[in-house]
PDB file of N, CA and C in Angstrom:
ATOM      1  N   UNK A   1       0.849  -1.178   0.000  1.00  0.00           N
ATOM      2  CA  UNK A   1       0.000   0.000   0.000  1.00  0.00           C
ATOM      3  C   UNK A   1       0.896   1.243   0.000  1.00  0.00           C
ATOM      4  N   UNK A   2       0.725   2.107  -0.978  1.00  0.00           N
ATOM      5  CA  UNK A   2       1.552   3.314  -1.069  1.00  0.00           C
ATOM      6  C   UNK A   2       1.188   4.321   0.026  1.00  0.00           C
ATOM      7  N   UNK A   3       2.196   5.122   0.378  1.00  0.00           N
ATOM      8  CA  UNK A   3       1.981   6.159   1.393  1.00  0.00           C
ATOM      9  C   UNK A   3       1.152   7.297   0.822  1.00  0.00           C
ATOM     10  N   UNK A   4       0.462   7.948   1.699  1.00  0.00           N
ATOM     11  CA  UNK A   4      -0.277   9.142   1.327  1.00  0.00           C
ATOM     12  C   UNK A   4       0.722  10.205   0.876  1.00  0.00           C
ATOM     13  N   UNK A   5       0.363  11.014  -0.071  1.00  0.00           N
ATOM     14  CA  UNK A   5       1.263  12.035  -0.615  1.00  0.00           C
ATOM     15  C   UNK A   5       1.728  13.012   0.462  1.00  0.00           C
ATOM     16  N   UNK A   6       0.831  13.431   1.344  1.00  0.00           N
ATOM     17  CA  UNK A   6       1.207  14.382   2.402  1.00  0.00           C
ATOM     18  C   UNK A   6       2.169  13.733   3.397  1.00  0.00           C
ATOM     19  N   UNK A   7       1.918  12.479   3.738  1.00  0.00           N
ATOM     20  CA  UNK A   7       2.799  11.779   4.674  1.00  0.00           C
ATOM     21  C   UNK A   7       4.175  11.592   4.036  1.00  0.00           C
ATOM     22  N   UNK A   8       4.184  11.242   2.776  1.00  0.00           N
ATOM     23  CA  UNK A   8       5.447  11.066   2.058  1.00  0.00           C
ATOM     24  C   UNK A   8       6.232  12.371   2.021  1.00  0.00           C
ATOM     25  N   UNK A   9       5.571  13.482   1.761  1.00  0.00           N
ATOM     26  CA  UNK A   9       6.237  14.783   1.735  1.00  0.00           C
ATOM     27  C   UNK A   9       6.783  15.159   3.120  1.00  0.00           C
ATOM     28  N   UNK A  10       6.015  14.859   4.182  1.00  0.00           N
ATOM     29  CA  UNK A  10       6.481  15.150   5.538  1.00  0.00           C
ATOM     30  C   UNK A  10       7.711  14.309   5.883  1.00  0.00           C
ATOM     31  N   UNK A  11       7.703  13.037   5.504  1.00  0.00           N
ATOM     32  CA  UNK A  11       8.845  12.174   5.762  1.00  0.00           C
ATOM     33  C   UNK A  11      10.084  12.657   5.005  1.00  0.00           C
ATOM     34  N   UNK A  12       9.891  13.064   3.756  1.00  0.00           N
ATOM     35  CA  UNK A  12      11.013  13.578   2.966  1.00  0.00           C
ATOM     36  C   UNK A  12      11.570  14.860   3.579  1.00  0.00           C
ATOM     37  N   UNK A  13      10.683  15.755   4.000  1.00  0.00           N
ATOM     38  CA  UNK A  13      11.119  17.018   4.609  1.00  0.00           C
ATOM     39  C   UNK A  13      11.868  16.742   5.915  1.00  0.00           C
ATOM     40  N   UNK A  14      11.368  15.796   6.701  1.00  0.00           N
ATOM     41  CA  UNK A  14      12.037  15.432   7.951  1.00  0.00           C
ATOM     42  C   UNK A  14      13.410  14.838   7.696  1.00  0.00           C
ATOM     43  N   UNK A  15      13.521  14.002   6.681  1.00  0.00           N
ATOM     44  CA  UNK A  15      14.797  13.394   6.328  1.00  0.00           C
ATOM     45  C   UNK A  15      15.797  14.452   5.874  1.00  0.00           C
ATOM     46  N   UNK A  16      15.339  15.384   5.059  1.00  0.00           N
ATOM     47  CA  UNK A  16      16.222  16.463   4.580  1.00  0.00           C
ATOM     48  C   UNK A  16      16.675  17.339   5.748  1.00  0.00           C
ATOM     49  N   UNK A  17      15.746  17.684   6.640  1.00  0.00           N
ATOM     50  CA  UNK A  17      16.096  18.516   7.791  1.00  0.00           C
ATOM     51  C   UNK A  17      17.081  17.795   8.711  1.00  0.00           C
ATOM     52  N   UNK A  18      16.863  16.522   8.940  1.00  0.00           N
ATOM     53  CA  UNK A  18      17.765  15.744   9.779  1.00  0.00           C
ATOM     54  C   UNK A  18      19.160  15.647   9.184  1.00  0.00           C
ATOM     55  N   UNK A  19      19.218  15.434   7.877  1.00  0.00           N
ATOM     56  CA  UNK A  19      20.510  15.348   7.199  1.00  0.00           C
ATOM     57  C   UNK A  19      21.240  16.685   7.263  1.00  0.00           C
ATOM     58  N   UNK A  20      20.533  17.765   7.075  1.00  0.00           N
ATOM     59  CA  UNK A  20      21.131  19.098   7.142  1.00  0.00           C
ATOM     60  C   UNK A  20      21.669  19.374   8.548  1.00  0.00           C
ATOM     61  N   UNK A  21      20.875  19.055   9.567  1.00  0.00           N
ATOM     62  CA  UNK A  21      21.324  19.276  10.944  1.00  0.00           C
ATOM     63  C   UNK A  21      22.532  18.410  11.277  1.00  0.00           C
ATOM     64  N   UNK A  22      22.557  17.189  10.786  1.00  0.00           N
ATOM     65  CA  UNK A  22      23.706  16.310  11.034  1.00  0.00           C
ATOM     66  C   UNK A  22      24.965  16.889  10.388  1.00  0.00           C
ATOM     67  N   UNK A  23      24.824  17.404   9.180  1.00  0.00           N
ATOM     68  CA  UNK A  23      25.964  18.020   8.495  1.00  0.00           C
ATOM     69  C   UNK A  23      26.495  19.227   9.251  1.00  0.00           C
ATOM     70  N   UNK A  24      25.594  20.050   9.763  1.00  0.00           N
ATOM     71  CA  UNK A  24      26.016  21.227  10.534  1.00  0.00           C
ATOM     72  C   UNK A  24      26.701  20.808  11.839  1.00  0.00           C
ATOM     73  N   UNK A  25      26.194  19.747  12.464  1.00  0.00           N
ATOM     74  CA  UNK A  25      26.806  19.257  13.689  1.00  0.00           C
ATOM     75  C   UNK A  25      28.218  18.735  13.426  1.00  0.00           C
ATOM     76  N   UNK A  26      28.392  18.021  12.332  1.00  0.00           N
ATOM     77  CA  UNK A  26      29.721  17.508  11.976  1.00  0.00           C
ATOM     78  C   UNK A  26      30.681  18.667  11.712  1.00  0.00           C
ATOM     79  N   UNK A  27      30.218  19.702  11.040  1.00  0.00           N
ATOM     80  CA  UNK A  27      31.062  20.870  10.785  1.00  0.00           C
ATOM     81  C   UNK A  27      31.472  21.547  12.091  1.00  0.00           C
ATOM     82  N   UNK A  28      30.543  21.661  13.026  1.00  0.00           N
ATOM     83  CA  UNK A  28      30.840  22.286  14.310  1.00  0.00           C
ATOM     84  C   UNK A  28      31.848  21.454  15.099  1.00  0.00           C
ATOM     85  N   UNK A  29      31.654  20.142  15.118  1.00  0.00           N
ATOM     86  CA  UNK A  29      32.580  19.259  15.824  1.00  0.00           C
ATOM     87  C   UNK A  29      33.962  19.342  15.192  1.00  0.00           C
ATOM     88  N   UNK A  30      34.012  19.339  13.870  1.00  0.00           N
ATOM     89  CA  UNK A  30      35.295  19.438  13.164  1.00  0.00           C
ATOM     90  C   UNK A  30      36.013  20.733  13.524  1.00  0.00           C
ATOM     91  N   UNK A  31      35.283  21.825  13.511  1.00  0.00           N
ATOM     92  CA  UNK A  31      35.872  23.135  13.841  1.00  0.00           C
ATOM     93  C   UNK A  31      36.396  23.142  15.273  1.00  0.00           C
ATOM     94  N   UNK A  32      35.607  22.601  16.209  1.00  0.00           N
ATOM     95  CA  UNK A  32      36.028  22.575  17.611  1.00  0.00           C
ATOM     96  C   UNK A  32      37.243  21.685  17.811  1.00  0.00           C
ATOM     97  N   UNK A  33      37.293  20.557  17.118  1.00  0.00           N
ATOM     98  CA  UNK A  33      38.445  19.670  17.247  1.00  0.00           C
ATOM     99  C   UNK A  33      39.715  20.326  16.718  1.00  0.00           C
ATOM    100  N   UNK A  34      39.603  20.984  15.582  1.00  0.00           N
ATOM    101  CA  UNK A  34      40.774  21.658  15.006  1.00  0.00           C
ATOM    102  C   UNK A  34      41.271  22.745  15.950  1.00  0.00           C
ATOM    103  N   UNK A  35      40.348  23.540  16.482  1.00  0.00           N
ATOM    104  CA  UNK A  35      40.754  24.604  17.402  1.00  0.00           C
ATOM    105  C   UNK A  35      41.334  24.032  18.691  1.00  0.00           C
ATOM    106  N   UNK A  36      40.697  22.993  19.217  1.00  0.00           N
ATOM    107  CA  UNK A  36      41.181  22.381  20.453  1.00  0.00           C
ATOM    108  C   UNK A  36      42.552  21.760  20.285  1.00  0.00           C
ATOM    109  N   UNK A  37      42.750  21.046  19.179  1.00  0.00           N
ATOM    110  CA  UNK A  37      44.054  20.435  18.938  1.00  0.00           C
ATOM    111  C   UNK A  37      45.116  21.493  18.688  1.00  0.00           C
ATOM    112  N   UNK A  38      44.729  22.608  18.077  1.00  0.00           N
ATOM    113  CA  UNK A  38      45.674  23.713  17.893  1.00  0.00           C
ATOM    114  C   UNK A  38      46.136  24.277  19.224  1.00  0.00           C
ATOM    115  N   UNK A  39      45.203  24.407  20.158  1.00  0.00           N
ATOM    116  CA  UNK A  39      45.556  24.915  21.489  1.00  0.00           C
ATOM    117  C   UNK A  39      46.475  23.925  22.197  1.00  0.00           C
ATOM    118  N   UNK A  40      46.148  22.637  22.120  1.00  0.00           N
ATOM    119  CA  UNK A  40      46.986  21.615  22.758  1.00  0.00           C
ATOM    120  C   UNK A  40      48.371  21.617  22.131  1.00  0.00           C
ATOM    121  N   UNK A  41      48.424  21.672  20.816  1.00  0.00           N
ATOM    122  CA  UNK A  41      49.709  21.674  20.108  1.00  0.00           C
ATOM    123  C   UNK A  41      50.544  22.885  20.503  1.00  0.00           C
ATOM    124  N   UNK A  42      49.931  24.040  20.517  1.00  0.00           N
ATOM    125  CA  UNK A  42      50.636  25.259  20.883  1.00  0.00           C
ATOM    126  C   UNK A  42      51.135  25.183  22.321  1.00  0.00           C
ATOM    127  N   UNK A  43      50.299  24.682  23.209  1.00  0.00           N
ATOM    128  CA  UNK A  43      50.681  24.562  24.616  1.00  0.00           C
ATOM    129  C   UNK A  43      51.849  23.605  24.776  1.00  0.00           C
ATOM    130  N   UNK A  44      51.800  22.470  24.086  1.00  0.00           N
ATOM    131  CA  UNK A  44      52.883  21.500  24.193  1.00  0.00           C
ATOM    132  C   UNK A  44      54.183  22.046  23.621  1.00  0.00           C
ATOM    133  N   UNK A  45      54.092  22.744  22.497  1.00  0.00           N
ATOM    134  CA  UNK A  45      55.302  23.317  21.888  1.00  0.00           C
ATOM    135  C   UNK A  45      55.896  24.377  22.809  1.00  0.00           C
ATOM    136  N   UNK A  46      55.042  25.227  23.364  1.00  0.00           N
ATOM    137  CA  UNK A  46      55.545  26.268  24.263  1.00  0.00           C
ATOM    138  C   UNK A  46      56.154  25.650  25.515  1.00  0.00           C
ATOM    139  N   UNK A  47      55.501  24.632  26.056  1.00  0.00           N
ATOM    140  CA  UNK A  47      56.022  23.973  27.247  1.00  0.00           C
ATOM    141  C   UNK A  47      57.350  23.307  26.947  1.00  0.00           C
ATOM    142  N   UNK A  48      57.415  22.615  25.832  1.00  0.00           N
ATOM    143  CA  UNK A  48      58.654  21.928  25.467  1.00  0.00           C
ATOM    144  C   UNK A  48      59.777  22.940  25.223  1.00  0.00           C
ATOM    145  N   UNK A  49      59.451  23.999  24.512  1.00  0.00           N
ATOM    146  CA  UNK A  49      60.457  25.021  24.251  1.00  0.00           C
ATOM    147  C   UNK A  49      60.958  25.656  25.533  1.00  0.00           C
ATOM    148  N   UNK A  50      60.048  25.949  26.462  1.00  0.00           N
ATOM    149  CA  UNK A  50      60.440  26.535  27.735  1.00  0.00           C
ATOM    150  C   UNK A  50      61.309  25.584  28.537  1.00  0.00           C
ATOM    151  N   UNK A  51      60.963  24.310  28.533  1.00  0.00           N
ATOM    152  CA  UNK A  51      61.744  23.320  29.263  1.00  0.00           C
ATOM    153  C   UNK A  51      63.118  23.162  28.642  1.00  0.00           C
ATOM    154  N   UNK A  52      63.181  23.127  27.304  1.00  0.00           N
ATOM    155  CA  UNK A  52      64.471  22.987  26.625  1.00  0.00           C
ATOM    156  C   UNK A  52      65.354  24.194  26.927  1.00  0.00           C
ATOM    157  N   UNK A  53      64.787  25.387  26.906  1.00  0.00           N
ATOM    158  CA  UNK A  53      65.566  26.586  27.206  1.00  0.00           C
ATOM    159  C   UNK A  53      66.064  26.552  28.643  1.00  0.00           C
ATOM    160  N   UNK A  54      65.204  26.159  29.575  1.00  0.00           N
ATOM    161  CA  UNK A  54      65.602  26.108  30.979  1.00  0.00           C
ATOM    162  C   UNK A  54      66.702  25.073  31.189  1.00  0.00           C
ATOM    163  N   UNK A  55      66.600  23.919  30.561  1.00  0.00           N
ATOM    164  CA  UNK A  55      67.612  22.878  30.715  1.00  0.00           C
ATOM    165  C   UNK A  55      68.947  23.345  30.142  1.00  0.00           C
ATOM    166  N   UNK A  56      68.911  23.996  28.992  1.00  0.00           N
ATOM    167  CA  UNK A  56      70.145  24.488  28.386  1.00  0.00           C
ATOM    168  C   UNK A  56      70.783  25.565  29.254  1.00  0.00           C
ATOM    169  N   UNK A  57      69.982  26.443  29.792  1.00  0.00           N
ATOM    170  CA  UNK A  57      70.495  27.493  30.667  1.00  0.00           C
ATOM    171  C   UNK A  57      71.103  26.895  31.929  1.00  0.00           C
ATOM    172  N   UNK A  58      70.398  25.929  32.516  1.00  0.00           N
ATOM    173  CA  UNK A  58      70.910  25.295  33.737  1.00  0.00           C
ATOM    174  C   UNK A  58      72.208  24.529  33.455  1.00  0.00           C
ATOM    175  N   UNK A  59      72.287  23.856  32.317  1.00  0.00           N
ATOM    176  CA  UNK A  59      73.518  23.129  31.964  1.00  0.00           C
ATOM    177  C   UNK A  59      74.678  24.104  31.799  1.00  0.00           C
ATOM    178  N   UNK A  60      74.417  25.242  31.165  1.00  0.00           N
ATOM    179  CA  UNK A  60      75.477  26.242  30.985  1.00  0.00           C
ATOM    180  C   UNK A  60      75.922  26.805  32.327  1.00  0.00           C
ATOM    181  N   UNK A  61      74.978  27.055  33.221  1.00  0.00           N
ATOM    182  CA  UNK A  61      75.333  27.570  34.542  1.00  0.00           C
ATOM    183  C   UNK A  61      76.129  26.543  35.330  1.00  0.00           C
ATOM    184  N   UNK A  62      75.729  25.270  35.273  1.00  0.00           N
ATOM    185  CA  UNK A  62      76.464  24.220  35.986  1.00  0.00           C
ATOM    186  C   UNK A  62      77.888  24.099  35.458  1.00  0.00           C
ATOM    187  N   UNK A  63      78.022  24.184  34.126  1.00  0.00           N
ATOM    188  CA  UNK A  63      79.354  24.109  33.519  1.00  0.00           C
ATOM    189  C   UNK A  63      80.202  25.296  33.953  1.00  0.00           C
ATOM    190  N   UNK A  64      79.608  26.475  33.944  1.00  0.00           N
ATOM    191  CA  UNK A  64      80.354  27.682  34.315  1.00  0.00           C
ATOM    192  C   UNK A  64      80.797  27.637  35.769  1.00  0.00           C
ATOM    193  N   UNK A  65      80.007  27.047  36.633  1.00  0.00           N
ATOM    194  CA  UNK A  65      80.358  26.974  38.053  1.00  0.00           C
ATOM    195  C   UNK A  65      81.585  26.088  38.255  1.00  0.00           C
ATOM    196  N   UNK A  66      81.729  25.030  37.473  1.00  0.00           N
ATOM    197  CA  UNK A  66      82.790  24.054  37.683  1.00  0.00           C
ATOM    198  C   UNK A  66      84.058  24.334  36.870  1.00  0.00           C
ATOM    199  N   UNK A  67      84.104  25.406  36.106  1.00  0.00           N
ATOM    200  CA  UNK A  67      85.319  25.740  35.358  1.00  0.00           C
ATOM    201  C   UNK A  67      86.288  26.418  36.321  1.00  0.00           C
ATOM    202  N   UNK A  68      87.493  25.862  36.477  1.00  0.00           N
ATOM    203  CA  UNK A  68      88.453  26.501  37.391  1.00  0.00           C
ATOM    204  C   UNK A  68      88.883  27.874  36.857  1.00  0.00           C
ATOM    205  N   UNK A  69      89.043  28.778  37.747  1.00  0.00           N
ATOM    206  CA  UNK A  69      89.478  30.126  37.372  1.00  0.00           C
ATOM    207  C   UNK A  69      91.010  30.172  37.417  1.00  0.00           C
ATOM    208  N   UNK A  70      91.609  30.852  36.467  1.00  0.00           N
ATOM    209  CA  UNK A  70      93.054  31.065  36.487  1.00  0.00           C
ATOM    210  C   UNK A  70      93.383  32.125  37.535  1.00  0.00           C
ATOM    211  N   UNK A  71      94.382  31.897  38.305  1.00  0.00           N
ATOM    212  CA  UNK A  71      94.777  32.977  39.229  1.00  0.00           C
ATOM    213  C   UNK A  71      95.243  34.196  38.431  1.00  0.00           C
ATOM    214  N   UNK A  72      95.008  35.359  38.947  1.00  0.00           N
ATOM    215  CA  UNK A  72      95.434  36.567  38.232  1.00  0.00           C
ATOM    216  C   UNK A  72      96.959  36.597  38.160  1.00  0.00           C
ATOM    217  N   UNK A  73      97.483  37.017  37.046  1.00  0.00           N
ATOM    218  CA  UNK A  73      98.907  37.083  36.835  1.00  0.00           C
ATOM    219  C   UNK A  73      99.416  35.939  35.974  1.00  0.00           C
ATOM    220  N   UNK A  74      98.666  34.856  35.839  1.00  0.00           N
ATOM    221  CA  UNK A  74      99.089  33.747  34.965  1.00  0.00           C
ATOM    222  C   UNK A  74      98.456  33.946  33.584  1.00  0.00           C
ATOM    223  N   UNK A  75      99.186  33.523  32.563  1.00  0.00           N
ATOM    224  CA  UNK A  75      98.602  33.630  31.232  1.00  0.00           C
ATOM    225  C   UNK A  75      98.534  32.306  30.544  1.00  0.00           C
TER     226      UNK A  75
END
């Protein structure tokens, strides 16, 4: 038994609306994921860079502390 024309049109309209809303939701999720991962990436890079700089500075300071000084007058 075929569907009534009005019921068929309502089902089609509902399907189109649902598909459109799903597409918009996927776009929103995609945008949020890209932005969120960008923040995480930036935070990790900044943290790593800061740690690397601090370690290099500390290594240089430790090395400088342990270098014997020449007494004045010696060349």
